[in-house]
């Protein structure tokens, strides 16, 4: 009997101790979030952390899983650090499971759909989250003391991320705005092709965007000697106009035909045969001007090609062709 009483008292004491010490003092929580998303046909991309703001405890970790064919990084730079190129990292890339406390930068390598990356947070603080592929894709992680009460649980973040995804990919107001923009562009240039279109939005934690990765009027018929102008109407995502061999480096213009500069600053090529290789390089709006930073030059948002021979010419965006961003030019002989 005595031993039973002793055991009972020991269990009771442990139970009382667990009541006195809050669970949040010693518990480690594994949180989950999504890195980008896309529509079923891969034509629309949500360029966003979903959600892009979380409150967690010190010692917790977050695992981001990529939900998009577009590459992204999960990156935490230290205060005052200059933004780096995604090929360079922060510099370098970190292994999944690494920790970030604000003293040394952490970055995943570019992640593709289905890949994940985990970061643990041992020290309280408010940490900026960025994607090195998309400078406008930002978020915030609030790391609170272990004894603090958290405002939300995982179910809340799952629902919030799903709602943000839906808002970006399915928002009818955004679609109407983009349809109006596209109609105005088509009316202004009958031989014009829209090379992608997008719209920026914002939450309390930072920026995110919707991008349509398609050539709108991607199949176009023209006459021999006509010129086509491609325009990127996405404020954040670059695209290319690539005929023939895809270059190893998509950033600079290249090709086996000369590129000239029109009076308004637009690169202009001439294709004389279906064997010509022409690549626009990245076409993209200039970055937003900031106080204390030199003004950016005008954005390189357009590219022109004159076709001198009849035939059918297929082309791609070298960055997003695997998502279906391809087009065709049919040149009639008369």
C-alpha atoms as a PDB file:
ATOM      1  CA  UNK A   1       0.000   0.000   0.000  1.00  0.00           C
ATOM      2  CA  UNK A   2       2.809   2.357   0.884  1.00  0.00           C
ATOM      3  CA  UNK A   3       4.462   1.896  -2.475  1.00  0.00           C
ATOM      4  CA  UNK A   4       1.187   2.580  -4.273  1.00  0.00           C
ATOM      5  CA  UNK A   5       0.740   5.783  -2.291  1.00  0.00           C
ATOM      6  CA  UNK A   6       4.309   6.816  -3.074  1.00  0.00           C
ATOM      7  CA  UNK A   7       3.782   6.201  -6.757  1.00  0.00           C
ATOM      8  CA  UNK A   8       0.520   8.142  -6.697  1.00  0.00           C
ATOM      9  CA  UNK A   9       2.187  11.071  -4.935  1.00  0.00           C
ATOM     10  CA  UNK A  10       5.052  11.070  -7.442  1.00  0.00           C
ATOM     11  CA  UNK A  11       2.660  11.107 -10.403  1.00  0.00           C
ATOM     12  CA  UNK A  12       0.605  13.846  -8.765  1.00  0.00           C
ATOM     13  CA  UNK A  13       3.735  15.904  -8.165  1.00  0.00           C
ATOM     14  CA  UNK A  14       4.803  15.566 -11.812  1.00  0.00           C
ATOM     15  CA  UNK A  15       1.315  16.531 -12.978  1.00  0.00           C
ATOM     16  CA  UNK A  16       1.355  19.597 -10.758  1.00  0.00           C
ATOM     17  CA  UNK A  17       4.795  20.528 -12.093  1.00  0.00           C
ATOM     18  CA  UNK A  18       3.567  20.281 -15.686  1.00  0.00           C
ATOM     19  CA  UNK A  19       0.679  22.606 -14.804  1.00  0.00           C
ATOM     20  CA  UNK A  20       2.986  25.140 -13.179  1.00  0.00           C
ATOM     21  CA  UNK A  21       5.441  25.248 -16.119  1.00  0.00           C
ATOM     22  CA  UNK A  22       3.730  26.557 -19.267  1.00  0.00           C
ATOM     23  CA  UNK A  23       3.971  24.165 -22.218  1.00  0.00           C
ATOM     24  CA  UNK A  24       5.357  26.961 -24.365  1.00  0.00           C
ATOM     25  CA  UNK A  25       8.465  27.222 -22.144  1.00  0.00           C
ATOM     26  CA  UNK A  26       9.943  23.945 -23.321  1.00  0.00           C
ATOM     27  CA  UNK A  27       7.933  22.909 -26.366  1.00  0.00           C
ATOM     28  CA  UNK A  28       9.366  23.177 -29.856  1.00  0.00           C
ATOM     29  CA  UNK A  29       6.829  23.704 -32.636  1.00  0.00           C
ATOM     30  CA  UNK A  30       7.338  22.753 -36.257  1.00  0.00           C
ATOM     31  CA  UNK A  31       5.460  25.209 -38.465  1.00  0.00           C
ATOM     32  CA  UNK A  32       4.661  24.859 -42.155  1.00  0.00           C
ATOM     33  CA  UNK A  33       4.207  27.379 -44.986  1.00  0.00           C
ATOM     34  CA  UNK A  34       4.070  27.362 -48.789  1.00  0.00           C
ATOM     35  CA  UNK A  35       6.532  28.935 -51.205  1.00  0.00           C
ATOM     36  CA  UNK A  36       4.698  30.246 -54.274  1.00  0.00           C
ATOM     37  CA  UNK A  37       1.808  28.612 -56.119  1.00  0.00           C
ATOM     38  CA  UNK A  38       0.339  28.243 -59.600  1.00  0.00           C
ATOM     39  CA  UNK A  39      -2.859  27.508 -61.493  1.00  0.00           C
ATOM     40  CA  UNK A  40      -3.508  24.011 -62.860  1.00  0.00           C
ATOM     41  CA  UNK A  41      -2.375  24.995 -66.368  1.00  0.00           C
ATOM     42  CA  UNK A  42       0.720  26.743 -64.907  1.00  0.00           C
ATOM     43  CA  UNK A  43      -0.306  29.930 -66.705  1.00  0.00           C
ATOM     44  CA  UNK A  44      -0.771  31.965 -63.517  1.00  0.00           C
ATOM     45  CA  UNK A  45       1.822  32.238 -60.775  1.00  0.00           C
ATOM     46  CA  UNK A  46       1.394  33.471 -57.216  1.00  0.00           C
ATOM     47  CA  UNK A  47       4.751  35.062 -56.451  1.00  0.00           C
ATOM     48  CA  UNK A  48       4.367  34.996 -52.675  1.00  0.00           C
ATOM     49  CA  UNK A  49       5.168  33.402 -49.359  1.00  0.00           C
ATOM     50  CA  UNK A  50       1.879  31.814 -48.301  1.00  0.00           C
ATOM     51  CA  UNK A  51       1.336  33.207 -45.737  1.00  0.00           C
ATOM     52  CA  UNK A  52       4.041  35.849 -45.590  1.00  0.00           C
ATOM     53  CA  UNK A  53       3.808  36.611 -41.859  1.00  0.00           C
ATOM     54  CA  UNK A  54       4.035  34.165 -38.944  1.00  0.00           C
ATOM     55  CA  UNK A  55       4.367  34.473 -35.157  1.00  0.00           C
ATOM     56  CA  UNK A  56       6.356  31.648 -33.552  1.00  0.00           C
ATOM     57  CA  UNK A  57       8.347  30.890 -30.366  1.00  0.00           C
ATOM     58  CA  UNK A  58      12.112  30.933 -29.985  1.00  0.00           C
ATOM     59  CA  UNK A  59      13.380  27.434 -30.698  1.00  0.00           C
ATOM     60  CA  UNK A  60      10.628  26.781 -33.255  1.00  0.00           C
ATOM     61  CA  UNK A  61      11.276  26.042 -36.895  1.00  0.00           C
ATOM     62  CA  UNK A  62       9.404  26.672 -40.139  1.00  0.00           C
ATOM     63  CA  UNK A  63       9.415  24.435 -43.210  1.00  0.00           C
ATOM     64  CA  UNK A  64       8.560  26.056 -46.536  1.00  0.00           C
ATOM     65  CA  UNK A  65       7.457  23.755 -49.380  1.00  0.00           C
ATOM     66  CA  UNK A  66       7.569  25.018 -52.947  1.00  0.00           C
ATOM     67  CA  UNK A  67       4.212  24.907 -54.727  1.00  0.00           C
ATOM     68  CA  UNK A  68       5.267  26.385 -58.055  1.00  0.00           C
ATOM     69  CA  UNK A  69       7.207  25.546 -61.202  1.00  0.00           C
ATOM     70  CA  UNK A  70       8.815  28.980 -60.851  1.00  0.00           C
ATOM     71  CA  UNK A  71      11.962  28.877 -58.720  1.00  0.00           C
ATOM     72  CA  UNK A  72      12.095  30.687 -55.356  1.00  0.00           C
ATOM     73  CA  UNK A  73      14.458  31.013 -52.418  1.00  0.00           C
ATOM     74  CA  UNK A  74      13.839  31.281 -48.674  1.00  0.00           C
ATOM     75  CA  UNK A  75      16.394  33.874 -47.592  1.00  0.00           C
ATOM     76  CA  UNK A  76      17.169  35.843 -44.433  1.00  0.00           C
ATOM     77  CA  UNK A  77      19.775  38.600 -44.838  1.00  0.00           C
ATOM     78  CA  UNK A  78      21.382  40.365 -41.896  1.00  0.00           C
ATOM     79  CA  UNK A  79      20.461  43.986 -41.103  1.00  0.00           C
ATOM     80  CA  UNK A  80      21.923  46.407 -43.648  1.00  0.00           C
ATOM     81  CA  UNK A  81      23.104  43.686 -46.022  1.00  0.00           C
ATOM     82  CA  UNK A  82      22.802  44.466 -49.731  1.00  0.00           C
ATOM     83  CA  UNK A  83      20.397  42.340 -51.737  1.00  0.00           C
ATOM     84  CA  UNK A  84      22.260  39.550 -53.519  1.00  0.00           C
ATOM     85  CA  UNK A  85      21.774  37.556 -56.733  1.00  0.00           C
ATOM     86  CA  UNK A  86      19.964  34.231 -56.402  1.00  0.00           C
ATOM     87  CA  UNK A  87      22.843  32.459 -58.179  1.00  0.00           C
ATOM     88  CA  UNK A  88      25.217  33.751 -55.504  1.00  0.00           C
ATOM     89  CA  UNK A  89      23.096  33.147 -52.417  1.00  0.00           C
ATOM     90  CA  UNK A  90      23.606  35.327 -49.379  1.00  0.00           C
ATOM     91  CA  UNK A  91      26.528  34.658 -50.350  1.00  0.00           C
ATOM     92  CA  UNK A  92      26.505  30.868 -50.467  1.00  0.00           C
ATOM     93  CA  UNK A  93      23.606  28.546 -49.675  1.00  0.00           C
ATOM     94  CA  UNK A  94      22.614  26.987 -46.381  1.00  0.00           C
ATOM     95  CA  UNK A  95      21.558  23.399 -45.648  1.00  0.00           C
ATOM     96  CA  UNK A  96      17.943  22.780 -44.746  1.00  0.00           C
ATOM     97  CA  UNK A  97      17.543  22.782 -40.958  1.00  0.00           C
ATOM     98  CA  UNK A  98      19.990  25.619 -40.384  1.00  0.00           C
ATOM     99  CA  UNK A  99      19.247  28.281 -37.758  1.00  0.00           C
ATOM    100  CA  UNK A 100      18.943  32.048 -38.119  1.00  0.00           C
ATOM    101  CA  UNK A 101      19.386  34.540 -35.278  1.00  0.00           C
ATOM    102  CA  UNK A 102      20.158  37.705 -37.256  1.00  0.00           C
ATOM    103  CA  UNK A 103      23.953  37.404 -36.996  1.00  0.00           C
ATOM    104  CA  UNK A 104      24.683  35.486 -40.199  1.00  0.00           C
ATOM    105  CA  UNK A 105      22.668  35.326 -43.423  1.00  0.00           C
ATOM    106  CA  UNK A 106      20.785  32.169 -44.383  1.00  0.00           C
ATOM    107  CA  UNK A 107      19.483  31.219 -47.832  1.00  0.00           C
ATOM    108  CA  UNK A 108      18.072  28.177 -49.535  1.00  0.00           C
ATOM    109  CA  UNK A 109      19.250  27.456 -53.072  1.00  0.00           C
ATOM    110  CA  UNK A 110      16.583  28.044 -55.741  1.00  0.00           C
ATOM    111  CA  UNK A 111      13.795  25.574 -54.970  1.00  0.00           C
ATOM    112  CA  UNK A 112      11.494  23.919 -57.502  1.00  0.00           C
ATOM    113  CA  UNK A 113       8.024  22.473 -56.992  1.00  0.00           C
ATOM    114  CA  UNK A 114       7.880  19.903 -54.191  1.00  0.00           C
ATOM    115  CA  UNK A 115      11.222  20.801 -52.591  1.00  0.00           C
ATOM    116  CA  UNK A 116      11.304  22.162 -49.052  1.00  0.00           C
ATOM    117  CA  UNK A 117      13.596  24.132 -46.769  1.00  0.00           C
ATOM    118  CA  UNK A 118      13.556  24.395 -42.972  1.00  0.00           C
ATOM    119  CA  UNK A 119      14.907  27.215 -40.788  1.00  0.00           C
ATOM    120  CA  UNK A 120      14.986  27.227 -36.988  1.00  0.00           C
ATOM    121  CA  UNK A 121      14.893  30.421 -34.925  1.00  0.00           C
ATOM    122  CA  UNK A 122      16.752  30.223 -31.584  1.00  0.00           C
ATOM    123  CA  UNK A 123      16.523  33.904 -30.652  1.00  0.00           C
ATOM    124  CA  UNK A 124      13.556  36.316 -30.307  1.00  0.00           C
ATOM    125  CA  UNK A 125      13.361  39.023 -32.963  1.00  0.00           C
ATOM    126  CA  UNK A 126      11.522  40.236 -36.046  1.00  0.00           C
ATOM    127  CA  UNK A 127      13.174  38.923 -39.179  1.00  0.00           C
ATOM    128  CA  UNK A 128      12.649  39.970 -42.806  1.00  0.00           C
ATOM    129  CA  UNK A 129      12.031  37.129 -45.243  1.00  0.00           C
ATOM    130  CA  UNK A 130      12.941  37.577 -48.924  1.00  0.00           C
ATOM    131  CA  UNK A 131      13.130  35.623 -52.171  1.00  0.00           C
ATOM    132  CA  UNK A 132      16.374  36.336 -54.016  1.00  0.00           C
ATOM    133  CA  UNK A 133      14.766  35.416 -57.348  1.00  0.00           C
ATOM    134  CA  UNK A 134      11.941  37.964 -56.917  1.00  0.00           C
ATOM    135  CA  UNK A 135      13.014  41.108 -54.987  1.00  0.00           C
ATOM    136  CA  UNK A 136       9.403  42.157 -54.376  1.00  0.00           C
ATOM    137  CA  UNK A 137       8.486  38.828 -52.697  1.00  0.00           C
ATOM    138  CA  UNK A 138       8.837  39.561 -48.986  1.00  0.00           C
ATOM    139  CA  UNK A 139       7.553  38.582 -45.566  1.00  0.00           C
ATOM    140  CA  UNK A 140       8.211  38.804 -41.822  1.00  0.00           C
ATOM    141  CA  UNK A 141       8.789  36.168 -39.144  1.00  0.00           C
ATOM    142  CA  UNK A 142       8.057  37.322 -35.572  1.00  0.00           C
ATOM    143  CA  UNK A 143       9.969  35.173 -33.078  1.00  0.00           C
ATOM    144  CA  UNK A 144       8.635  35.624 -29.534  1.00  0.00           C
ATOM    145  CA  UNK A 145       9.905  34.440 -26.166  1.00  0.00           C
ATOM    146  CA  UNK A 146       8.944  30.866 -25.285  1.00  0.00           C
ATOM    147  CA  UNK A 147       6.639  32.106 -22.517  1.00  0.00           C
ATOM    148  CA  UNK A 148       4.683  34.446 -24.832  1.00  0.00           C
ATOM    149  CA  UNK A 149       1.198  33.626 -26.051  1.00  0.00           C
ATOM    150  CA  UNK A 150       1.050  33.139 -29.803  1.00  0.00           C
ATOM    151  CA  UNK A 151      -1.801  34.830 -31.696  1.00  0.00           C
ATOM    152  CA  UNK A 152      -2.392  32.005 -34.209  1.00  0.00           C
ATOM    153  CA  UNK A 153      -2.005  28.270 -34.683  1.00  0.00           C
ATOM    154  CA  UNK A 154      -1.054  26.179 -37.719  1.00  0.00           C
ATOM    155  CA  UNK A 155      -4.667  25.804 -38.829  1.00  0.00           C
ATOM    156  CA  UNK A 156      -4.959  29.595 -39.057  1.00  0.00           C
ATOM    157  CA  UNK A 157      -1.822  29.869 -41.201  1.00  0.00           C
ATOM    158  CA  UNK A 158      -2.986  27.040 -43.464  1.00  0.00           C
ATOM    159  CA  UNK A 159      -6.285  28.842 -44.030  1.00  0.00           C
ATOM    160  CA  UNK A 160      -4.631  32.232 -44.480  1.00  0.00           C
ATOM    161  CA  UNK A 161      -2.133  30.864 -46.986  1.00  0.00           C
ATOM    162  CA  UNK A 162      -4.922  29.188 -48.954  1.00  0.00           C
ATOM    163  CA  UNK A 163      -6.945  32.420 -48.976  1.00  0.00           C
ATOM    164  CA  UNK A 164      -3.967  34.477 -50.161  1.00  0.00           C
ATOM    165  CA  UNK A 165      -3.321  31.923 -52.909  1.00  0.00           C
ATOM    166  CA  UNK A 166      -6.963  32.102 -54.010  1.00  0.00           C
ATOM    167  CA  UNK A 167      -6.945  35.895 -53.909  1.00  0.00           C
ATOM    168  CA  UNK A 168      -3.880  36.065 -56.145  1.00  0.00           C
ATOM    169  CA  UNK A 169      -4.809  33.379 -58.663  1.00  0.00           C
ATOM    170  CA  UNK A 170      -8.581  33.825 -58.889  1.00  0.00           C
ATOM    171  CA  UNK A 171      -9.309  37.463 -58.078  1.00  0.00           C
ATOM    172  CA  UNK A 172     -11.804  38.687 -60.694  1.00  0.00           C
ATOM    173  CA  UNK A 173     -11.058  42.363 -60.061  1.00  0.00           C
ATOM    174  CA  UNK A 174      -7.382  41.788 -60.821  1.00  0.00           C
ATOM    175  CA  UNK A 175      -8.332  39.826 -63.935  1.00  0.00           C
ATOM    176  CA  UNK A 176     -10.601  42.649 -65.168  1.00  0.00           C
ATOM    177  CA  UNK A 177      -7.845  45.185 -64.559  1.00  0.00           C
ATOM    178  CA  UNK A 178      -5.367  43.085 -66.534  1.00  0.00           C
ATOM    179  CA  UNK A 179      -7.902  42.458 -69.315  1.00  0.00           C
ATOM    180  CA  UNK A 180      -8.422  46.236 -69.624  1.00  0.00           C
ATOM    181  CA  UNK A 181      -4.654  46.799 -69.716  1.00  0.00           C
ATOM    182  CA  UNK A 182      -4.243  44.114 -72.347  1.00  0.00           C
ATOM    183  CA  UNK A 183      -7.064  45.492 -74.521  1.00  0.00           C
ATOM    184  CA  UNK A 184      -5.535  48.965 -74.454  1.00  0.00           C
ATOM    185  CA  UNK A 185      -2.151  47.542 -75.452  1.00  0.00           C
ATOM    186  CA  UNK A 186      -3.601  45.490 -78.344  1.00  0.00           C
ATOM    187  CA  UNK A 187      -5.527  48.491 -79.670  1.00  0.00           C
ATOM    188  CA  UNK A 188      -2.380  50.603 -79.572  1.00  0.00           C
ATOM    189  CA  UNK A 189      -0.337  48.128 -81.610  1.00  0.00           C
ATOM    190  CA  UNK A 190      -1.986  45.650 -83.999  1.00  0.00           C
ATOM    191  CA  UNK A 191       1.335  43.826 -84.475  1.00  0.00           C
ATOM    192  CA  UNK A 192       2.018  43.845 -80.745  1.00  0.00           C
ATOM    193  CA  UNK A 193       2.319  40.804 -78.479  1.00  0.00           C
ATOM    194  CA  UNK A 194       2.030  41.012 -74.707  1.00  0.00           C
ATOM    195  CA  UNK A 195       4.916  39.076 -73.160  1.00  0.00           C
ATOM    196  CA  UNK A 196       3.394  38.349 -69.771  1.00  0.00           C
ATOM    197  CA  UNK A 197       1.192  40.492 -67.571  1.00  0.00           C
ATOM    198  CA  UNK A 198       0.987  40.911 -63.806  1.00  0.00           C
ATOM    199  CA  UNK A 199      -0.216  42.893 -60.833  1.00  0.00           C
ATOM    200  CA  UNK A 200       1.349  43.732 -57.482  1.00  0.00           C
ATOM    201  CA  UNK A 201      -0.444  43.513 -54.155  1.00  0.00           C
ATOM    202  CA  UNK A 202       0.550  43.961 -50.524  1.00  0.00           C
ATOM    203  CA  UNK A 203      -0.180  42.558 -47.076  1.00  0.00           C
ATOM    204  CA  UNK A 204       0.822  43.852 -43.660  1.00  0.00           C
ATOM    205  CA  UNK A 205       4.106  41.961 -44.002  1.00  0.00           C
ATOM    206  CA  UNK A 206       5.199  42.902 -47.511  1.00  0.00           C
ATOM    207  CA  UNK A 207       4.696  42.496 -51.227  1.00  0.00           C
ATOM    208  CA  UNK A 208       3.459  39.662 -53.423  1.00  0.00           C
ATOM    209  CA  UNK A 209       2.178  39.460 -56.973  1.00  0.00           C
ATOM    210  CA  UNK A 210       0.169  37.614 -59.602  1.00  0.00           C
ATOM    211  CA  UNK A 211       1.951  36.862 -62.875  1.00  0.00           C
ATOM    212  CA  UNK A 212       0.402  35.480 -66.070  1.00  0.00           C
ATOM    213  CA  UNK A 213       3.259  33.630 -67.800  1.00  0.00           C
ATOM    214  CA  UNK A 214       1.861  33.517 -71.323  1.00  0.00           C
ATOM    215  CA  UNK A 215       2.335  35.319 -74.622  1.00  0.00           C
ATOM    216  CA  UNK A 216      -1.087  36.908 -75.033  1.00  0.00           C
ATOM    217  CA  UNK A 217      -1.801  36.829 -78.785  1.00  0.00           C
ATOM    218  CA  UNK A 218       1.089  34.384 -78.806  1.00  0.00           C
ATOM    219  CA  UNK A 219       0.197  33.063 -82.266  1.00  0.00           C
ATOM    220  CA  UNK A 220       0.220  36.024 -84.613  1.00  0.00           C
ATOM    221  CA  UNK A 221      -0.001  36.329 -88.397  1.00  0.00           C
ATOM    222  CA  UNK A 222       1.828  39.094 -90.232  1.00  0.00           C
ATOM    223  CA  UNK A 223       3.030  39.889 -93.756  1.00  0.00           C
ATOM    224  CA  UNK A 224       6.548  39.576 -95.090  1.00  0.00           C
ATOM    225  CA  UNK A 225       8.492  42.706 -94.099  1.00  0.00           C
ATOM    226  CA  UNK A 226       6.326  43.463 -91.036  1.00  0.00           C
ATOM    227  CA  UNK A 227       7.706  44.146 -87.557  1.00  0.00           C
ATOM    228  CA  UNK A 228       6.359  42.687 -84.311  1.00  0.00           C
ATOM    229  CA  UNK A 229       6.800  44.402 -80.962  1.00  0.00           C
ATOM    230  CA  UNK A 230       6.715  42.393 -77.713  1.00  0.00           C
ATOM    231  CA  UNK A 231       5.997  44.228 -74.446  1.00  0.00           C
ATOM    232  CA  UNK A 232       6.300  42.881 -70.921  1.00  0.00           C
ATOM    233  CA  UNK A 233       3.361  44.186 -68.848  1.00  0.00           C
ATOM    234  CA  UNK A 234       4.427  42.446 -65.642  1.00  0.00           C
ATOM    235  CA  UNK A 235       5.782  44.918 -63.045  1.00  0.00           C
ATOM    236  CA  UNK A 236       8.046  42.345 -61.414  1.00  0.00           C
ATOM    237  CA  UNK A 237       8.691  39.225 -63.504  1.00  0.00           C
ATOM    238  CA  UNK A 238      11.184  39.268 -66.420  1.00  0.00           C
ATOM    239  CA  UNK A 239      10.648  37.397 -69.696  1.00  0.00           C
ATOM    240  CA  UNK A 240      12.580  36.776 -72.907  1.00  0.00           C
ATOM    241  CA  UNK A 241      11.793  36.523 -76.619  1.00  0.00           C
ATOM    242  CA  UNK A 242      13.883  33.618 -77.870  1.00  0.00           C
ATOM    243  CA  UNK A 243      13.949  32.210 -81.423  1.00  0.00           C
ATOM    244  CA  UNK A 244      16.176  29.244 -82.231  1.00  0.00           C
ATOM    245  CA  UNK A 245      18.826  27.996 -79.815  1.00  0.00           C
ATOM    246  CA  UNK A 246      18.214  28.850 -76.173  1.00  0.00           C
ATOM    247  CA  UNK A 247      21.290  30.590 -74.708  1.00  0.00           C
ATOM    248  CA  UNK A 248      23.054  29.229 -71.633  1.00  0.00           C
ATOM    249  CA  UNK A 249      22.788  32.658 -69.987  1.00  0.00           C
ATOM    250  CA  UNK A 250      19.354  34.242 -70.563  1.00  0.00           C
ATOM    251  CA  UNK A 251      20.242  37.666 -69.139  1.00  0.00           C
ATOM    252  CA  UNK A 252      22.095  39.417 -72.008  1.00  0.00           C
ATOM    253  CA  UNK A 253      20.776  39.745 -75.570  1.00  0.00           C
ATOM    254  CA  UNK A 254      22.428  37.444 -78.089  1.00  0.00           C
ATOM    255  CA  UNK A 255      21.957  35.825 -81.500  1.00  0.00           C
ATOM    256  CA  UNK A 256      23.523  35.215 -84.857  1.00  0.00           C
ATOM    257  CA  UNK A 257      21.889  38.322 -86.345  1.00  0.00           C
ATOM    258  CA  UNK A 258      22.751  41.948 -85.531  1.00  0.00           C
ATOM    259  CA  UNK A 259      20.707  43.787 -82.909  1.00  0.00           C
ATOM    260  CA  UNK A 260      20.226  47.512 -83.427  1.00  0.00           C
ATOM    261  CA  UNK A 261      18.885  50.155 -81.075  1.00  0.00           C
ATOM    262  CA  UNK A 262      15.850  52.116 -82.245  1.00  0.00           C
ATOM    263  CA  UNK A 263      15.567  55.834 -81.480  1.00  0.00           C
ATOM    264  CA  UNK A 264      13.284  55.136 -78.506  1.00  0.00           C
ATOM    265  CA  UNK A 265      15.830  52.788 -76.933  1.00  0.00           C
ATOM    266  CA  UNK A 266      14.237  49.481 -77.981  1.00  0.00           C
ATOM    267  CA  UNK A 267      16.408  46.621 -79.263  1.00  0.00           C
ATOM    268  CA  UNK A 268      15.479  45.608 -82.817  1.00  0.00           C
ATOM    269  CA  UNK A 269      16.472  42.441 -84.716  1.00  0.00           C
ATOM    270  CA  UNK A 270      15.858  41.243 -88.270  1.00  0.00           C
ATOM    271  CA  UNK A 271      15.127  37.571 -88.966  1.00  0.00           C
ATOM    272  CA  UNK A 272      15.924  36.472 -92.512  1.00  0.00           C
ATOM    273  CA  UNK A 273      15.437  32.702 -92.183  1.00  0.00           C
ATOM    274  CA  UNK A 274      13.995  30.071 -89.884  1.00  0.00           C
ATOM    275  CA  UNK A 275      17.536  29.115 -88.887  1.00  0.00           C
ATOM    276  CA  UNK A 276      18.294  32.482 -87.302  1.00  0.00           C
ATOM    277  CA  UNK A 277      18.873  32.572 -83.538  1.00  0.00           C
ATOM    278  CA  UNK A 278      17.566  35.704 -81.854  1.00  0.00           C
ATOM    279  CA  UNK A 279      17.363  36.282 -78.108  1.00  0.00           C
ATOM    280  CA  UNK A 280      16.097  39.483 -76.469  1.00  0.00           C
ATOM    281  CA  UNK A 281      17.779  39.085 -73.110  1.00  0.00           C
ATOM    282  CA  UNK A 282      15.637  39.917 -70.093  1.00  0.00           C
ATOM    283  CA  UNK A 283      12.852  42.407 -70.745  1.00  0.00           C
ATOM    284  CA  UNK A 284      11.643  43.939 -67.497  1.00  0.00           C
ATOM    285  CA  UNK A 285      10.433  47.182 -65.969  1.00  0.00           C
ATOM    286  CA  UNK A 286      13.054  49.224 -64.117  1.00  0.00           C
ATOM    287  CA  UNK A 287      13.108  48.803 -60.319  1.00  0.00           C
ATOM    288  CA  UNK A 288      11.215  51.231 -58.107  1.00  0.00           C
ATOM    289  CA  UNK A 289      13.199  54.363 -57.235  1.00  0.00           C
ATOM    290  CA  UNK A 290      14.242  54.722 -53.589  1.00  0.00           C
ATOM    291  CA  UNK A 291      15.459  57.661 -51.516  1.00  0.00           C
ATOM    292  CA  UNK A 292      19.256  57.668 -51.336  1.00  0.00           C
ATOM    293  CA  UNK A 293      19.632  55.265 -54.270  1.00  0.00           C
ATOM    294  CA  UNK A 294      20.596  56.524 -57.779  1.00  0.00           C
ATOM    295  CA  UNK A 295      17.669  56.746 -60.170  1.00  0.00           C
ATOM    296  CA  UNK A 296      17.225  53.703 -62.381  1.00  0.00           C
ATOM    297  CA  UNK A 297      17.386  54.100 -66.182  1.00  0.00           C
ATOM    298  CA  UNK A 298      14.216  53.436 -68.207  1.00  0.00           C
ATOM    299  CA  UNK A 299      13.189  49.806 -68.119  1.00  0.00           C
ATOM    300  CA  UNK A 300      13.949  47.474 -71.010  1.00  0.00           C
ATOM    301  CA  UNK A 301      10.337  46.339 -71.435  1.00  0.00           C
ATOM    302  CA  UNK A 302      10.105  45.953 -75.241  1.00  0.00           C
ATOM    303  CA  UNK A 303      11.729  44.004 -78.078  1.00  0.00           C
ATOM    304  CA  UNK A 304      11.151  44.240 -81.860  1.00  0.00           C
ATOM    305  CA  UNK A 305      11.799  41.871 -84.757  1.00  0.00           C
ATOM    306  CA  UNK A 306      11.312  42.439 -88.481  1.00  0.00           C
ATOM    307  CA  UNK A 307      10.633  39.296 -90.565  1.00  0.00           C
ATOM    308  CA  UNK A 308      11.882  39.389 -94.151  1.00  0.00           C
ATOM    309  CA  UNK A 309      10.954  35.848 -95.270  1.00  0.00           C
ATOM    310  CA  UNK A 310       7.680  33.916 -95.208  1.00  0.00           C
ATOM    311  CA  UNK A 311       7.386  30.919 -92.915  1.00  0.00           C
ATOM    312  CA  UNK A 312       6.372  29.766 -89.460  1.00  0.00           C
ATOM    313  CA  UNK A 313       8.646  30.799 -86.612  1.00  0.00           C
ATOM    314  CA  UNK A 314       8.297  29.289 -83.141  1.00  0.00           C
ATOM    315  CA  UNK A 315       9.664  31.050 -80.084  1.00  0.00           C
ATOM    316  CA  UNK A 316       9.744  30.766 -76.289  1.00  0.00           C
ATOM    317  CA  UNK A 317      10.382  32.649 -73.098  1.00  0.00           C
ATOM    318  CA  UNK A 318      13.655  31.053 -72.020  1.00  0.00           C
ATOM    319  CA  UNK A 319      12.680  31.499 -68.363  1.00  0.00           C
ATOM    320  CA  UNK A 320       9.158  30.080 -68.462  1.00  0.00           C
ATOM    321  CA  UNK A 321       8.809  27.825 -71.509  1.00  0.00           C
ATOM    322  CA  UNK A 322       8.453  24.762 -69.249  1.00  0.00           C
ATOM    323  CA  UNK A 323       5.353  26.448 -67.799  1.00  0.00           C
ATOM    324  CA  UNK A 324       3.865  26.832 -71.281  1.00  0.00           C
ATOM    325  CA  UNK A 325       5.120  30.291 -72.265  1.00  0.00           C
ATOM    326  CA  UNK A 326       5.624  29.642 -75.984  1.00  0.00           C
ATOM    327  CA  UNK A 327       4.485  31.393 -79.148  1.00  0.00           C
ATOM    328  CA  UNK A 328       4.405  31.305 -82.936  1.00  0.00           C
ATOM    329  CA  UNK A 329       4.779  33.870 -85.717  1.00  0.00           C
ATOM    330  CA  UNK A 330       3.212  33.040 -89.101  1.00  0.00           C
ATOM    331  CA  UNK A 331       4.653  35.205 -91.865  1.00  0.00           C
ATOM    332  CA  UNK A 332       2.587  35.372 -95.040  1.00  0.00           C
ATOM    333  CA  UNK A 333       4.387  36.032 -98.351  1.00  0.00           C
ATOM    334  CA  UNK A 334       2.012  38.849 -99.366  1.00  0.00           C
END
